[in-house]
Amino acid sequence: MNMQWMAWTPVTAWFFVCIGLILVTMTFWQVLCPTVPRKGFLPMVTTRGDRLFIGLLGSAYIHLAWIGLASAPLYMATLISVCFLGLVIWKG
């Protein structure tokens, strides 16, 4: 299969590997310990999967805002995003 049409870099590959590992981990977690919908600081009742989706979406927006507004290195946006994702999954 010719994959030359997509610019696969090591960073891109690691991004997709990490998202895949998160999804596999969340699937096993759901099988072992079914989720109970709850209300945290988010203004709605959510499940673990809902909070993961909201956290990933928010992390994407953090990166887009960082690229558009900051001149600092991108790894700082990644650190902020990981903290944001952890907070949303844990307390959201």
N, C-alpha and C. Protein backbone atom coordinates (compact mmCIF):
# COMPACT_ATOMS: atom_id res chain seq x y z
N MET A 1 0.85 -1.18 0.00
CA MET A 1 0.00 0.00 0.00
C MET A 1 0.89 1.24 0.00
N ASN A 2 0.62 2.14 -0.89
CA ASN A 2 1.40 3.37 -1.02
C ASN A 2 0.83 4.45 -0.10
N MET A 3 1.63 4.84 0.89
CA MET A 3 1.19 5.85 1.85
C MET A 3 1.90 7.19 1.63
N GLN A 4 2.42 7.42 0.44
CA GLN A 4 3.15 8.64 0.16
C GLN A 4 2.28 9.89 0.14
N TRP A 5 0.96 9.72 -0.01
CA TRP A 5 0.07 10.87 -0.08
C TRP A 5 -0.06 11.57 1.27
N MET A 6 0.29 10.87 2.36
CA MET A 6 0.17 11.48 3.68
C MET A 6 1.56 11.70 4.27
N ALA A 7 1.76 12.83 4.88
CA ALA A 7 3.07 13.18 5.45
C ALA A 7 3.22 12.53 6.83
N TRP A 8 3.59 11.26 6.84
CA TRP A 8 3.78 10.55 8.10
C TRP A 8 5.13 10.91 8.67
N THR A 9 5.09 11.56 9.81
CA THR A 9 6.32 11.85 10.54
C THR A 9 6.26 11.04 11.83
N PRO A 10 7.36 10.90 12.53
CA PRO A 10 7.31 10.18 13.81
C PRO A 10 6.32 10.81 14.80
N VAL A 11 6.21 12.12 14.80
CA VAL A 11 5.27 12.78 15.71
C VAL A 11 3.83 12.43 15.34
N THR A 12 3.52 12.42 14.05
CA THR A 12 2.18 12.05 13.59
C THR A 12 1.87 10.61 13.96
N ALA A 13 2.82 9.73 13.74
CA ALA A 13 2.62 8.32 14.07
C ALA A 13 2.38 8.14 15.57
N TRP A 14 3.18 8.80 16.39
CA TRP A 14 3.01 8.68 17.85
C TRP A 14 1.66 9.23 18.30
N PHE A 15 1.21 10.29 17.66
CA PHE A 15 -0.10 10.85 17.99
C PHE A 15 -1.19 9.79 17.79
N PHE A 16 -1.19 9.16 16.62
CA PHE A 16 -2.21 8.16 16.34
C PHE A 16 -2.06 6.91 17.21
N VAL A 17 -0.82 6.52 17.50
CA VAL A 17 -0.59 5.39 18.40
C VAL A 17 -1.15 5.70 19.79
N CYS A 18 -0.90 6.90 20.28
CA CYS A 18 -1.41 7.28 21.61
C CYS A 18 -2.93 7.33 21.65
N ILE A 19 -3.56 7.87 20.63
CA ILE A 19 -5.03 7.89 20.58
C ILE A 19 -5.56 6.47 20.56
N GLY A 20 -4.94 5.59 19.77
CA GLY A 20 -5.36 4.19 19.73
C GLY A 20 -5.21 3.51 21.09
N LEU A 21 -4.08 3.75 21.76
CA LEU A 21 -3.88 3.17 23.09
C LEU A 21 -4.89 3.69 24.10
N ILE A 22 -5.23 4.95 24.02
CA ILE A 22 -6.26 5.51 24.91
C ILE A 22 -7.59 4.82 24.67
N LEU A 23 -7.96 4.63 23.41
CA LEU A 23 -9.23 3.97 23.10
C LEU A 23 -9.25 2.52 23.56
N VAL A 24 -8.15 1.79 23.36
CA VAL A 24 -8.08 0.40 23.82
C VAL A 24 -8.16 0.34 25.35
N THR A 25 -7.44 1.22 26.03
CA THR A 25 -7.47 1.27 27.49
C THR A 25 -8.87 1.58 28.00
N MET A 26 -9.52 2.55 27.40
CA MET A 26 -10.89 2.90 27.82
C MET A 26 -11.86 1.74 27.57
N THR A 27 -11.65 0.98 26.48
CA THR A 27 -12.51 -0.17 26.21
C THR A 27 -12.33 -1.24 27.28
N PHE A 28 -11.09 -1.58 27.61
CA PHE A 28 -10.85 -2.56 28.67
C PHE A 28 -11.39 -2.08 30.01
N TRP A 29 -11.22 -0.81 30.31
CA TRP A 29 -11.72 -0.24 31.56
C TRP A 29 -13.24 -0.36 31.61
N GLN A 30 -13.90 -0.09 30.50
CA GLN A 30 -15.36 -0.20 30.43
C GLN A 30 -15.82 -1.64 30.63
N VAL A 31 -15.10 -2.60 30.06
CA VAL A 31 -15.47 -4.01 30.21
C VAL A 31 -15.26 -4.46 31.65
N LEU A 32 -14.14 -4.07 32.26
CA LEU A 32 -13.84 -4.48 33.62
C LEU A 32 -14.68 -3.77 34.67
N CYS A 33 -14.97 -2.52 34.44
CA CYS A 33 -15.70 -1.70 35.42
C CYS A 33 -16.66 -0.79 34.65
N PRO A 34 -17.89 -1.25 34.42
CA PRO A 34 -18.83 -0.43 33.64
C PRO A 34 -19.01 0.97 34.26
N THR A 35 -19.15 1.93 33.40
CA THR A 35 -19.24 3.31 33.84
C THR A 35 -20.62 3.63 34.42
N VAL A 36 -20.63 4.56 35.33
CA VAL A 36 -21.87 5.07 35.91
C VAL A 36 -21.95 6.54 35.52
N PRO A 37 -23.02 6.94 34.84
CA PRO A 37 -23.12 8.37 34.50
C PRO A 37 -23.12 9.23 35.76
N ARG A 38 -22.39 10.32 35.72
CA ARG A 38 -22.32 11.22 36.88
C ARG A 38 -22.16 12.65 36.42
N LYS A 39 -22.37 13.55 37.36
CA LYS A 39 -22.24 14.97 37.07
C LYS A 39 -21.08 15.52 37.90
N GLY A 40 -20.08 16.03 37.21
CA GLY A 40 -18.94 16.67 37.86
C GLY A 40 -19.03 18.16 37.63
N PHE A 41 -17.91 18.78 37.29
CA PHE A 41 -17.93 20.23 37.05
C PHE A 41 -18.49 20.59 35.66
N LEU A 42 -18.59 19.59 34.77
CA LEU A 42 -19.22 19.85 33.48
C LEU A 42 -20.72 20.06 33.68
N PRO A 43 -21.36 20.89 32.87
CA PRO A 43 -22.76 21.23 33.12
C PRO A 43 -23.76 20.17 32.62
N MET A 44 -23.34 18.89 32.62
CA MET A 44 -24.24 17.82 32.16
C MET A 44 -23.78 16.50 32.77
N VAL A 45 -24.65 15.54 32.75
CA VAL A 45 -24.30 14.20 33.21
C VAL A 45 -23.51 13.52 32.09
N THR A 46 -22.36 12.93 32.45
CA THR A 46 -21.48 12.34 31.45
C THR A 46 -21.03 10.95 31.87
N THR A 47 -20.62 10.16 30.88
CA THR A 47 -19.97 8.88 31.13
C THR A 47 -18.48 9.06 30.86
N ARG A 48 -17.70 8.01 31.13
CA ARG A 48 -16.26 8.09 30.87
C ARG A 48 -15.97 8.41 29.41
N GLY A 49 -16.69 7.77 28.51
CA GLY A 49 -16.48 8.01 27.08
C GLY A 49 -16.81 9.45 26.68
N ASP A 50 -17.89 9.98 27.26
CA ASP A 50 -18.24 11.38 27.00
C ASP A 50 -17.12 12.31 27.44
N ARG A 51 -16.59 12.05 28.63
CA ARG A 51 -15.53 12.91 29.15
C ARG A 51 -14.25 12.77 28.32
N LEU A 52 -13.96 11.56 27.83
CA LEU A 52 -12.81 11.39 26.95
C LEU A 52 -12.99 12.20 25.67
N PHE A 53 -14.16 12.12 25.06
CA PHE A 53 -14.42 12.87 23.83
C PHE A 53 -14.30 14.37 24.08
N ILE A 54 -14.91 14.86 25.15
CA ILE A 54 -14.85 16.29 25.48
C ILE A 54 -13.39 16.71 25.74
N GLY A 55 -12.65 15.87 26.45
CA GLY A 55 -11.25 16.18 26.72
C GLY A 55 -10.39 16.20 25.47
N LEU A 56 -10.60 15.24 24.56
CA LEU A 56 -9.84 15.23 23.30
C LEU A 56 -10.20 16.42 22.43
N LEU A 57 -11.47 16.76 22.38
CA LEU A 57 -11.91 17.91 21.60
C LEU A 57 -11.33 19.20 22.17
N GLY A 58 -11.38 19.35 23.49
CA GLY A 58 -10.79 20.52 24.14
C GLY A 58 -9.29 20.60 23.91
N SER A 59 -8.62 19.45 23.94
CA SER A 59 -7.18 19.43 23.70
C SER A 59 -6.84 19.88 22.28
N ALA A 60 -7.68 19.49 21.32
CA ALA A 60 -7.47 19.95 19.95
C ALA A 60 -7.60 21.46 19.87
N TYR A 61 -8.61 22.01 20.54
CA TYR A 61 -8.78 23.47 20.53
C TYR A 61 -7.63 24.18 21.24
N ILE A 62 -7.12 23.58 22.31
CA ILE A 62 -5.96 24.17 22.99
C ILE A 62 -4.77 24.25 22.03
N HIS A 63 -4.54 23.17 21.28
CA HIS A 63 -3.43 23.17 20.32
C HIS A 63 -3.64 24.19 19.20
N LEU A 64 -4.86 24.27 18.69
CA LEU A 64 -5.13 25.25 17.63
C LEU A 64 -4.93 26.68 18.13
N ALA A 65 -5.42 26.96 19.33
CA ALA A 65 -5.24 28.30 19.90
C ALA A 65 -3.76 28.58 20.14
N TRP A 66 -3.03 27.57 20.61
CA TRP A 66 -1.61 27.74 20.87
C TRP A 66 -0.85 28.08 19.59
N ILE A 67 -1.17 27.34 18.53
CA ILE A 67 -0.50 27.57 17.25
C ILE A 67 -0.82 28.97 16.73
N GLY A 68 -2.07 29.41 16.92
CA GLY A 68 -2.47 30.72 16.41
C GLY A 68 -2.03 31.89 17.26
N LEU A 69 -1.89 31.70 18.56
CA LEU A 69 -1.66 32.85 19.45
C LEU A 69 -0.31 32.89 20.13
N ALA A 70 0.34 31.75 20.29
CA ALA A 70 1.60 31.73 21.05
C ALA A 70 2.78 31.46 20.14
N SER A 71 3.92 31.94 20.54
CA SER A 71 5.13 31.66 19.79
C SER A 71 6.02 30.68 20.55
N ALA A 72 5.53 30.17 21.68
CA ALA A 72 6.29 29.21 22.48
C ALA A 72 6.25 27.83 21.83
N PRO A 73 7.14 26.94 22.22
CA PRO A 73 7.17 25.59 21.63
C PRO A 73 5.85 24.83 21.83
N LEU A 74 5.55 23.98 20.88
CA LEU A 74 4.29 23.25 20.88
C LEU A 74 4.19 22.23 22.00
N TYR A 75 5.34 21.75 22.51
CA TYR A 75 5.25 20.76 23.59
C TYR A 75 4.58 21.33 24.83
N MET A 76 4.63 22.63 25.02
CA MET A 76 3.95 23.24 26.17
C MET A 76 2.44 23.10 26.01
N ALA A 77 1.93 23.25 24.81
CA ALA A 77 0.50 23.05 24.56
C ALA A 77 0.13 21.60 24.81
N THR A 78 1.02 20.68 24.47
CA THR A 78 0.77 19.27 24.72
C THR A 78 0.69 18.99 26.21
N LEU A 79 1.57 19.57 26.99
CA LEU A 79 1.53 19.39 28.45
C LEU A 79 0.23 19.95 29.03
N ILE A 80 -0.17 21.12 28.58
CA ILE A 80 -1.43 21.71 29.03
C ILE A 80 -2.60 20.82 28.64
N SER A 81 -2.56 20.29 27.43
CA SER A 81 -3.65 19.43 26.94
C SER A 81 -3.75 18.14 27.73
N VAL A 82 -2.61 17.54 28.06
CA VAL A 82 -2.62 16.30 28.85
C VAL A 82 -3.21 16.58 30.23
N CYS A 83 -2.84 17.69 30.84
CA CYS A 83 -3.41 18.06 32.14
C CYS A 83 -4.91 18.32 32.02
N PHE A 84 -5.32 19.01 30.97
CA PHE A 84 -6.74 19.28 30.75
C PHE A 84 -7.51 17.99 30.56
N LEU A 85 -6.99 17.08 29.76
CA LEU A 85 -7.65 15.80 29.51
C LEU A 85 -7.78 15.00 30.81
N GLY A 86 -6.71 14.95 31.59
CA GLY A 86 -6.76 14.26 32.88
C GLY A 86 -7.78 14.85 33.82
N LEU A 87 -7.86 16.17 33.87
CA LEU A 87 -8.83 16.85 34.73
C LEU A 87 -10.26 16.55 34.31
N VAL A 88 -10.52 16.62 33.02
CA VAL A 88 -11.88 16.38 32.53
C VAL A 88 -12.30 14.93 32.79
N ILE A 89 -11.39 13.98 32.54
CA ILE A 89 -11.75 12.58 32.78
C ILE A 89 -11.93 12.30 34.26
N TRP A 90 -11.07 12.90 35.10
CA TRP A 90 -11.12 12.62 36.52
C TRP A 90 -12.26 13.34 37.24
N LYS A 91 -12.41 14.63 37.00
CA LYS A 91 -13.38 15.44 37.74
C LYS A 91 -14.58 15.89 36.94
N GLY A 92 -14.54 15.72 35.61
CA GLY A 92 -15.61 16.22 34.77
C GLY A 92 -16.88 15.53 34.99
